[in-house]
Amino acid sequence: MVEQYLQESFGIMREDILISPVTNKKVVVRELLLQVEREGSSENVLGTLQQIKGLGRKGAIVYLNGLSDQSK
C-alpha cells in the first residue's frame, strides 16, 4: 500500500536508491518498506506521507531518508 502510494503520488519506485545526505548511507526503497512493514508502522508512514504530499517528491525523499537514518 505504501509502495503504491509512493509510486502514484511521488514517482518513487521500489527499485530507487536513497542516499542520506547526513550519513551517506544507501538504501533501496524496497528494503526500507520491508523494514517498515516488519516494525508494523506502515499505517504511520502512509499517514505522514499523505500529510507531507504538498512538499512533493523532495519532501517524501527527505522523510524516507530520515526513516533510513533512524534504522539500524
C-alpha atoms as a PDB file:
ATOM      1  CA  MET A   1       0.000   0.000   0.000  1.00  0.00           C
ATOM      2  CA  VAL A   2       2.790   2.438   0.897  1.00  0.00           C
ATOM      3  CA  GLU A   3       4.724   1.317  -2.174  1.00  0.00           C
ATOM      4  CA  GLN A   4       1.773   2.030  -4.459  1.00  0.00           C
ATOM      5  CA  TYR A   5       1.209   5.441  -2.850  1.00  0.00           C
ATOM      6  CA  LEU A   6       4.869   6.388  -3.296  1.00  0.00           C
ATOM      7  CA  GLN A   7       4.734   5.411  -6.950  1.00  0.00           C
ATOM      8  CA  GLU A   8       1.448   7.144  -7.766  1.00  0.00           C
ATOM      9  CA  SER A   9       1.949  10.315  -5.723  1.00  0.00           C
ATOM     10  CA  PHE A  10       5.679  10.934  -5.946  1.00  0.00           C
ATOM     11  CA  GLY A  11       7.010   8.751  -8.761  1.00  0.00           C
ATOM     12  CA  ILE A  12       9.241   6.895  -6.304  1.00  0.00           C
ATOM     13  CA  MET A  13       9.753   3.300  -7.405  1.00  0.00           C
ATOM     14  CA  ARG A  14      10.659   0.332  -5.213  1.00  0.00           C
ATOM     15  CA  GLU A  15      13.965  -0.051  -7.076  1.00  0.00           C
ATOM     16  CA  ASP A  16      15.058   3.535  -6.394  1.00  0.00           C
ATOM     17  CA  ILE A  17      18.082   4.055  -4.175  1.00  0.00           C
ATOM     18  CA  LEU A  18      18.008   6.656  -1.427  1.00  0.00           C
ATOM     19  CA  ILE A  19      21.283   8.210  -0.302  1.00  0.00           C
ATOM     20  CA  SER A  20      21.227  10.008   3.021  1.00  0.00           C
ATOM     21  CA  PRO A  21      22.997  13.386   2.932  1.00  0.00           C
ATOM     22  CA  VAL A  22      23.716  13.035   6.662  1.00  0.00           C
ATOM     23  CA  THR A  23      25.190   9.536   6.870  1.00  0.00           C
ATOM     24  CA  ASN A  24      25.885   8.880   3.173  1.00  0.00           C
ATOM     25  CA  LYS A  25      24.075   5.565   3.735  1.00  0.00           C
ATOM     26  CA  LYS A  26      22.468   3.961   0.679  1.00  0.00           C
ATOM     27  CA  VAL A  27      19.213   2.035   0.943  1.00  0.00           C
ATOM     28  CA  VAL A  28      16.850   0.645  -1.675  1.00  0.00           C
ATOM     29  CA  VAL A  29      13.254   1.810  -1.207  1.00  0.00           C
ATOM     30  CA  ARG A  30      12.085  -1.828  -1.275  1.00  0.00           C
ATOM     31  CA  GLU A  31      14.320  -2.674   1.713  1.00  0.00           C
ATOM     32  CA  LEU A  32      13.115   0.347   3.658  1.00  0.00           C
ATOM     33  CA  LEU A  33       9.472  -0.564   3.024  1.00  0.00           C
ATOM     34  CA  LEU A  34      10.078  -4.153   4.153  1.00  0.00           C
ATOM     35  CA  GLN A  35      11.629  -2.853   7.355  1.00  0.00           C
ATOM     36  CA  VAL A  36       8.664  -0.536   7.949  1.00  0.00           C
ATOM     37  CA  GLU A  37       6.278  -3.475   7.487  1.00  0.00           C
ATOM     38  CA  ARG A  38       8.280  -5.624   9.926  1.00  0.00           C
ATOM     39  CA  GLU A  39       8.122  -2.864  12.527  1.00  0.00           C
ATOM     40  CA  GLY A  40       4.367  -2.562  11.987  1.00  0.00           C
ATOM     41  CA  SER A  41       4.480   1.148  11.258  1.00  0.00           C
ATOM     42  CA  SER A  42       3.139   1.109   7.691  1.00  0.00           C
ATOM     43  CA  GLU A  43      -0.019   2.987   8.710  1.00  0.00           C
ATOM     44  CA  ASN A  44       2.013   5.748  10.397  1.00  0.00           C
ATOM     45  CA  VAL A  45       4.351   6.076   7.419  1.00  0.00           C
ATOM     46  CA  LEU A  46       1.442   6.237   4.976  1.00  0.00           C
ATOM     47  CA  GLY A  47      -0.304   8.851   7.118  1.00  0.00           C
ATOM     48  CA  THR A  48       2.810  11.004   7.286  1.00  0.00           C
ATOM     49  CA  LEU A  49       3.367  10.723   3.532  1.00  0.00           C
ATOM     50  CA  GLN A  50      -0.222  11.842   2.937  1.00  0.00           C
ATOM     51  CA  GLN A  51       0.303  14.827   5.239  1.00  0.00           C
ATOM     52  CA  ILE A  52       3.506  15.939   3.507  1.00  0.00           C
ATOM     53  CA  LYS A  53       2.200  15.394  -0.024  1.00  0.00           C
ATOM     54  CA  GLY A  54       2.237  19.167  -0.521  1.00  0.00           C
ATOM     55  CA  LEU A  55       6.023  19.130  -0.180  1.00  0.00           C
ATOM     56  CA  GLY A  56       6.260  16.947  -3.278  1.00  0.00           C
ATOM     57  CA  ARG A  57       8.798  14.342  -4.248  1.00  0.00           C
ATOM     58  CA  LYS A  58      11.681  16.046  -2.465  1.00  0.00           C
ATOM     59  CA  GLY A  59       9.750  16.141   0.814  1.00  0.00           C
ATOM     60  CA  ALA A  60       8.954  12.434   0.535  1.00  0.00           C
ATOM     61  CA  ILE A  61      12.596  11.604  -0.162  1.00  0.00           C
ATOM     62  CA  VAL A  62      13.753  13.652   2.839  1.00  0.00           C
ATOM     63  CA  TYR A  63      11.213  11.831   5.037  1.00  0.00           C
ATOM     64  CA  LEU A  64      12.262   8.394   3.745  1.00  0.00           C
ATOM     65  CA  ASN A  65      15.930   9.268   4.272  1.00  0.00           C
ATOM     66  CA  GLY A  66      15.060  10.188   7.852  1.00  0.00           C
ATOM     67  CA  LEU A  67      13.449   6.786   8.347  1.00  0.00           C
ATOM     68  CA  SER A  68      16.526   5.141   6.900  1.00  0.00           C
ATOM     69  CA  ASP A  69      18.854   7.093   9.203  1.00  0.00           C
ATOM     70  CA  GLN A  70      16.811   6.091  12.266  1.00  0.00           C
ATOM     71  CA  SER A  71      17.101   2.400  11.455  1.00  0.00           C
ATOM     72  CA  LYS A  72      19.974   0.139  12.476  1.00  0.00           C
END
